[in-house]
Protein backbone atom coordinates (compact mmCIF):
# COMPACT_ATOMS: atom_id res chain seq x y z
CA MET A 1 142.54 -108.22 35.45
CA ILE A 2 141.20 -105.03 33.69
CA ASP A 3 140.00 -101.91 35.36
CA VAL A 4 138.06 -99.87 33.49
CA ASP A 5 136.42 -96.42 33.94
CA TRP A 6 133.09 -95.85 32.18
CA PHE A 7 132.46 -92.00 31.32
CA PHE A 8 128.34 -91.90 30.66
CA PRO A 9 126.31 -88.91 30.74
CA ASN A 10 124.51 -90.13 33.76
CA ALA A 11 125.47 -92.94 36.39
CA ALA A 12 122.66 -95.31 35.58
CA GLN A 13 122.11 -98.20 38.18
CA HIS A 14 119.75 -100.36 36.52
CA GLY A 15 120.76 -103.86 35.12
CA ALA A 16 124.37 -104.61 35.23
CA TYR A 17 125.29 -101.14 35.47
CA SER A 18 125.58 -101.20 39.19
CA LYS A 19 128.77 -103.44 38.64
CA MET A 20 130.57 -100.73 36.55
CA ASN A 21 132.59 -97.81 37.80
CA ILE A 22 130.61 -95.11 35.87
CA ILE A 23 131.58 -91.57 36.35
CA ALA A 24 128.57 -89.19 35.11
CA THR A 25 129.92 -86.89 32.71
CA GLY A 26 126.54 -84.51 32.37
CA ASN A 27 125.88 -83.38 28.56
CA GLU A 28 129.68 -82.36 27.61
CA PRO A 29 131.77 -85.24 28.02
CA GLU A 30 134.72 -84.22 26.24
CA ARG A 31 135.07 -81.37 28.42
CA PHE A 32 134.54 -83.17 31.50
CA PHE A 33 136.90 -86.18 30.61
CA ILE A 34 139.29 -83.49 29.90
CA ALA A 35 138.97 -81.64 33.46
CA TYR A 36 139.02 -85.14 34.89
CA CYS A 37 142.13 -86.36 33.40
CA LYS A 38 143.82 -83.24 34.45
CA GLU A 39 142.49 -83.17 38.26
CA GLN A 40 143.08 -86.85 38.69
CA SER A 41 146.31 -87.46 37.11
CA THR A 42 145.21 -90.44 35.27
CA ALA A 43 147.68 -92.90 33.96
CA TYR A 44 145.12 -94.64 31.20
CA THR A 45 146.95 -97.19 28.94
CA HIS A 46 143.90 -96.86 26.35
CA VAL A 47 141.11 -94.71 25.81
CA ILE A 48 138.39 -95.66 23.68
CA THR A 49 135.63 -93.35 22.42
CA HIS A 50 132.38 -94.27 21.02
CA PHE A 51 129.71 -91.84 19.97
CA ILE A 52 132.06 -89.07 20.03
CA ALA A 53 132.83 -87.11 16.72
CA LEU A 54 136.20 -88.14 15.35
CA CYS A 55 139.26 -86.05 14.54
CA THR A 56 138.87 -82.99 16.80
CA PRO A 57 141.00 -80.96 19.13
CA PHE A 58 139.32 -83.10 21.81
CA PHE A 59 141.93 -86.43 20.83
CA LYS A 60 144.94 -83.90 20.40
CA GLU A 61 144.48 -83.03 23.91
CA VAL A 62 143.79 -86.40 25.42
CA LYS A 63 147.02 -87.65 23.90
CA GLN A 64 148.75 -85.01 25.38
CA LEU A 65 147.30 -85.53 28.81
CA THR A 66 147.40 -89.06 28.80
CA LYS A 67 150.01 -90.67 26.42
CA ALA A 68 147.24 -93.39 26.02
CA ARG A 69 146.94 -95.38 22.77
CA ILE A 70 143.34 -94.07 21.62
CA ILE A 71 140.87 -95.99 19.77
CA GLY A 72 137.89 -94.05 17.88
CA VAL A 73 134.95 -96.49 17.51
CA ASP A 74 132.74 -94.94 14.56
CA HIS A 75 129.11 -95.99 14.86
CA ASN A 76 127.49 -93.13 12.71
CA PRO A 77 125.52 -93.44 9.85
CA ARG A 78 126.06 -90.91 6.58
CA PRO A 79 123.18 -89.30 4.74
CA VAL A 80 122.02 -90.56 1.64
CA GLY A 81 123.98 -89.00 -0.96
CA GLY A 82 126.56 -88.23 0.92
CA TYR A 83 127.36 -84.53 3.14
CA PRO A 84 127.11 -81.28 1.59
CA LEU A 85 130.47 -79.81 0.19
CA ARG A 86 131.42 -77.85 2.68
CA LYS A 87 131.19 -80.84 5.67
CA LYS A 88 132.86 -82.74 3.22
CA VAL A 89 135.76 -80.03 3.34
CA GLU A 90 135.87 -79.42 7.26
CA LYS A 91 136.24 -83.38 7.69
CA ARG A 92 139.05 -83.65 5.48
CA ILE A 93 140.61 -80.88 7.30
CA LYS A 94 140.13 -82.14 10.41
CA GLY A 95 141.55 -85.37 9.42
CA PHE A 96 144.61 -83.64 8.25
CA LEU A 97 145.17 -82.03 11.70
CA PHE A 98 143.97 -84.66 14.43
CA SER A 99 143.61 -88.30 12.87
CA ARG A 100 147.57 -88.56 13.87
CA TYR A 101 146.19 -88.43 17.50
CA ILE A 102 144.03 -91.41 17.21
CA ASP A 103 145.80 -94.89 17.12
CA CYS A 104 143.19 -97.02 15.91
CA PHE A 105 139.85 -96.04 14.27
CA VAL A 106 137.05 -98.88 14.35
CA GLY A 107 134.33 -98.93 12.07
CA VAL A 108 131.14 -101.20 12.70
CA SER A 109 130.97 -102.54 9.44
CA GLU A 110 132.70 -102.62 5.79
CA TYR A 111 130.57 -99.52 5.01
CA THR A 112 131.85 -97.25 8.14
CA VAL A 113 135.44 -98.42 7.60
CA GLN A 114 135.35 -97.12 3.92
CA GLU A 115 133.15 -94.06 5.20
CA LEU A 116 135.92 -93.24 7.53
CA THR A 117 138.58 -92.92 4.80
CA LYS A 118 136.46 -90.53 2.20
CA ASP A 119 135.70 -88.43 5.37
CA PHE A 120 138.61 -87.66 6.67
CA GLY A 121 141.59 -89.17 4.01
CA PRO A 122 143.42 -92.06 2.78
CA GLN A 123 146.05 -91.72 5.50
CA LEU A 124 143.15 -93.51 8.16
CA SER A 125 143.40 -96.74 5.83
CA ARG A 126 146.60 -98.24 7.74
CA LYS A 127 145.15 -97.78 11.02
CA THR A 128 141.32 -98.21 10.35
CA ILE A 129 139.75 -102.00 11.20
CA ARG A 130 136.44 -103.27 11.15
CA ILE A 131 134.77 -105.31 13.98
CA TYR A 132 130.94 -105.83 13.87
CA ASN A 133 128.42 -105.05 16.31
CA GLY A 134 127.33 -108.18 17.73
CA VAL A 135 124.23 -108.95 19.64
CA LEU A 136 123.49 -111.33 22.77
CA ILE A 137 121.72 -114.40 21.31
CA ASP A 138 120.66 -116.39 24.29
CA GLY A 139 118.12 -113.95 25.29
CA ILE A 140 116.56 -113.72 22.03
CA LYS A 141 113.47 -116.21 21.68
CA LYS A 142 113.26 -118.12 18.29
CA HIS A 143 110.68 -117.96 16.01
CA GLN A 144 109.38 -121.71 15.25
CA TYR A 145 106.82 -121.50 12.77
CA ARG A 146 106.78 -118.77 9.57
CA SER A 147 103.30 -118.64 7.78
CA GLU A 148 103.73 -119.41 4.23
CA GLN A 149 100.86 -116.63 3.33
CA GLU A 150 99.38 -114.03 5.29
CA PRO A 151 102.71 -113.44 7.18
CA LEU A 152 102.68 -111.07 10.57
CA PHE A 153 105.06 -108.27 9.86
CA MET A 154 106.66 -105.93 12.67
CA VAL A 155 109.00 -102.51 12.65
CA ALA A 156 111.51 -102.21 15.55
CA SER A 157 112.76 -98.54 15.38
CA HIS A 158 113.36 -95.21 16.82
CA LEU A 159 110.51 -93.12 15.24
CA ARG A 160 112.56 -90.43 13.33
CA GLU A 161 112.08 -89.74 9.66
CA SER A 162 115.40 -91.06 8.51
CA LYS A 163 114.18 -94.52 9.80
CA GLY A 164 111.52 -94.24 6.34
CA ILE A 165 108.74 -95.46 8.33
CA GLN A 166 106.61 -92.95 5.82
CA ASP A 167 107.68 -95.07 2.95
CA LEU A 168 105.95 -98.08 4.31
CA ILE A 169 102.96 -96.27 4.97
CA GLU A 170 102.60 -94.95 1.77
CA ALA A 171 103.69 -98.52 0.19
CA VAL A 172 100.73 -99.91 2.18
CA VAL A 173 98.51 -97.21 0.58
CA PHE A 174 99.02 -98.62 -3.16
CA LEU A 175 98.29 -102.37 -1.98
CA PRO A 176 95.08 -103.66 -3.28
CA ASP A 177 92.20 -103.60 -0.82
CA THR A 178 91.61 -107.39 -0.50
CA VAL A 179 95.15 -107.28 0.96
CA LYS A 180 94.61 -104.38 3.01
CA ALA A 181 91.71 -105.98 5.03
CA LYS A 182 93.81 -108.73 6.13
CA LEU A 183 97.68 -107.02 6.62
CA LYS A 184 99.05 -106.49 9.91
CA ILE A 185 101.96 -104.10 11.01
CA ASP A 186 102.89 -103.52 14.66
CA VAL A 187 105.27 -100.77 15.13
CA TYR A 188 107.74 -100.70 18.35
CA GLY A 189 109.49 -97.85 19.24
CA ASP A 190 109.08 -94.07 19.83
CA GLY A 191 110.66 -90.74 19.06
CA PRO A 192 109.98 -87.22 17.60
CA TYR A 193 108.45 -88.50 14.29
CA GLY A 194 105.89 -90.62 15.86
CA ALA A 195 103.05 -87.77 15.89
CA VAL A 196 103.54 -87.63 11.97
CA LEU A 197 103.62 -91.23 11.32
CA ARG A 198 100.11 -91.56 13.49
CA LYS A 199 98.74 -88.94 11.71
CA LYS A 200 99.78 -90.21 8.19
CA VAL A 201 98.20 -93.60 9.12
CA GLN A 202 95.21 -91.67 9.97
CA SER A 203 94.65 -89.66 7.10
CA HIS A 204 94.92 -92.60 4.69
CA LYS A 205 93.02 -94.48 7.01
CA LEU A 206 95.01 -97.44 7.95
CA ASP A 207 94.34 -97.72 11.31
CA ALA A 208 93.15 -100.99 11.04
CA ILE A 209 96.66 -101.98 9.84
CA PHE A 210 99.55 -99.96 11.92
CA CYS A 211 99.36 -100.50 15.56
CA PHE A 212 101.94 -98.20 17.33
CA LYS A 213 102.70 -100.16 20.11
CA GLY A 214 105.29 -97.67 21.73
CA ASN A 215 108.91 -98.73 23.34
CA SER A 216 108.80 -102.48 24.57
CA PRO A 217 110.99 -103.24 27.56
CA ASP A 218 111.54 -106.86 26.18
CA LEU A 219 111.95 -106.88 22.24
CA LYS A 220 114.11 -109.95 22.64
CA SER A 221 111.07 -111.84 23.59
CA THR A 222 108.99 -110.21 20.95
CA TYR A 223 110.37 -110.56 17.79
CA CYS A 224 109.41 -114.33 17.25
CA LEU A 225 106.18 -113.51 17.29
CA TYR A 226 105.98 -112.20 13.99
CA ASP A 227 107.25 -113.61 10.53
CA TYR A 228 109.43 -110.42 8.91
CA MET A 229 110.58 -107.47 10.21
CA LEU A 230 110.27 -104.15 8.08
CA GLN A 231 112.90 -101.85 8.13
CA PRO A 232 112.68 -99.22 5.43
CA THR A 233 115.65 -96.49 6.44
CA HIS A 234 116.87 -94.14 4.79
CA MET A 235 120.42 -94.42 6.45
CA GLU A 236 122.31 -96.85 8.77
CA CYS A 237 125.39 -97.55 10.25
CA PHE A 238 125.07 -101.70 11.19
CA SER A 239 121.58 -102.57 12.77
CA LEU A 240 121.37 -103.86 15.88
CA SER A 241 117.72 -104.26 14.97
CA ILE A 242 118.53 -106.60 11.92
CA LEU A 243 120.66 -108.71 13.93
CA GLU A 244 118.42 -109.58 16.52
CA SER A 245 115.71 -110.06 14.59
CA LEU A 246 117.77 -112.65 12.46
CA ALA A 247 118.77 -114.30 15.57
CA ALA A 248 115.09 -114.64 16.54
CA ASN A 249 114.39 -116.30 13.22
CA VAL A 250 112.74 -113.42 11.79
CA PRO A 251 114.14 -112.36 8.34
CA VAL A 252 114.54 -108.92 7.27
CA ILE A 253 113.14 -106.36 4.60
CA THR A 254 115.14 -103.45 4.20
CA THR A 255 117.25 -100.95 2.14
CA ASN A 256 120.49 -100.57 0.50
CA VAL A 257 121.99 -98.43 2.79
CA GLY A 258 124.81 -98.53 5.14
CA GLY A 259 125.73 -101.96 6.23
CA ASN A 260 122.44 -103.85 5.76
CA GLU A 261 123.62 -105.66 2.70
CA GLU A 262 126.71 -107.19 4.76
CA VAL A 263 124.24 -109.13 6.95
CA ILE A 264 121.31 -109.39 4.51
CA GLU A 265 121.48 -111.65 1.50
CA SER A 266 118.39 -110.84 -0.89
CA GLY A 267 116.44 -113.70 -1.35
CA LYS A 268 118.01 -115.86 1.30
CA ASN A 269 117.65 -114.48 4.77
CA GLY A 270 115.72 -111.32 3.96
CA PHE A 271 115.19 -108.88 1.16
CA VAL A 272 116.64 -105.62 0.21
CA TYR A 273 115.49 -102.88 -2.36
CA THR A 274 116.41 -99.50 -3.31
CA VAL A 275 115.95 -96.77 -0.63
CA LYS A 276 113.10 -94.72 -1.01
CA ASP A 277 111.57 -97.16 -3.38
CA ILE A 278 108.19 -97.37 -2.46
CA VAL A 279 106.86 -99.16 -5.28
CA ALA A 280 109.59 -101.79 -4.63
CA LEU A 281 108.81 -102.17 -1.10
CA LYS A 282 104.96 -102.53 -2.00
CA GLU A 283 105.62 -105.17 -4.55
CA LEU A 284 107.54 -106.85 -1.82
CA LEU A 285 104.78 -106.37 0.46
CA LEU A 286 102.34 -108.09 -1.95
CA ASP A 287 104.59 -110.94 -2.80
CA LEU A 288 105.36 -112.01 0.63
CA PHE A 289 101.49 -111.54 2.06
CA SER A 290 100.86 -113.86 -1.03
CA GLY A 291 103.31 -116.00 -0.50
CA GLU A 292 104.86 -115.82 -4.15
CA LYS A 293 108.27 -114.83 -2.19
CA ARG A 294 109.25 -116.12 1.18
CA ILE A 295 112.27 -116.89 3.15
CA THR A 296 112.67 -120.87 3.91
CA ILE A 297 116.07 -120.91 6.00
CA ASP A 298 116.48 -120.61 9.62
CA THR A 299 118.25 -117.16 9.98
CA ARG A 300 119.63 -117.61 13.46
CA SER A 301 123.00 -119.68 12.51
CA LEU A 302 124.39 -116.53 10.21
CA ILE A 303 124.12 -114.62 13.81
CA GLU A 304 125.38 -117.39 15.79
CA GLU A 305 128.46 -117.31 13.32
CA GLY A 306 129.35 -113.87 12.65
CA PHE A 307 127.79 -111.48 14.65
CA SER A 308 127.47 -112.57 18.26
CA LEU A 309 128.22 -110.68 21.27
CA GLU A 310 130.75 -112.64 22.33
CA LEU A 311 132.51 -112.40 19.16
CA MET A 312 132.46 -108.60 19.17
CA VAL A 313 134.08 -108.73 22.48
CA LYS A 314 136.69 -110.83 21.51
CA ASN A 315 137.99 -108.45 18.54
CA HIS A 316 137.50 -105.56 20.70
CA PHE A 317 140.19 -107.34 23.44
CA LYS A 318 143.16 -107.65 21.02
CA LEU A 319 142.95 -104.24 20.53
CA LEU A 320 144.03 -103.90 23.98
CA SER A 321 146.91 -106.31 23.48
């Protein structure tokens, strides 16, 4: 039996959250957690962090307060071309000062593992492991028939500049009019860059091609309606939407950033092109639409074998032994 306190910004009650002991931290989770440990005299054996900056004074204070085994999980993508020199130096200094207080670093892809060592120093290599993100496959409906020609495309993404959807719009601009007359791309998601993308679509008179669907409460039942997913992202750590799309037997066209190439084998279960290469993306769209290129395998089996939620949970439990 394992008792877990979950420190989240808010105490949501939807879904399975009502079964969890959620402690609302507000917008300053590190400060709240430190205060909570001091007030409650906690006896945690393990402290696992997600989506919190690593190698900061926070970890030193937690180690001193709790004596727990501290596990830091890194989900963060890095910018194309890396960090500016000043930030690189700052990260190395933080790694030298504070990495000793984190007992285990977990990267959610091989890319992340490599970047952790690059960010904070080679001393991390002896205590850094990879545990791939996983998805719950059972609820994902499977696509049954993939069109050989004139396939249907979808995008599932937060709408921000780093997701590269503007590149997709520019690639479509250069397609022949005969293709544009039939091409359909549905975009699921919302975000601060949405208005810019909609304006770009309108300015290029591509409204008949791009349909912005907004956030969908049930994407797991939506992937199966499409033949391919497009993810022209500029930066990625390890994408859950790629895993979900493949689990739905929907191949993915994406860029060579982050951990994308650890799950997409170009020409087998999708296609990978160089990030920001609009011409390459245009050619892929043209070849897929004409049927000159296509994916024929069932892409779900790869996810079942290597990227299931069950496997991810099993590997995380090993950290507690």
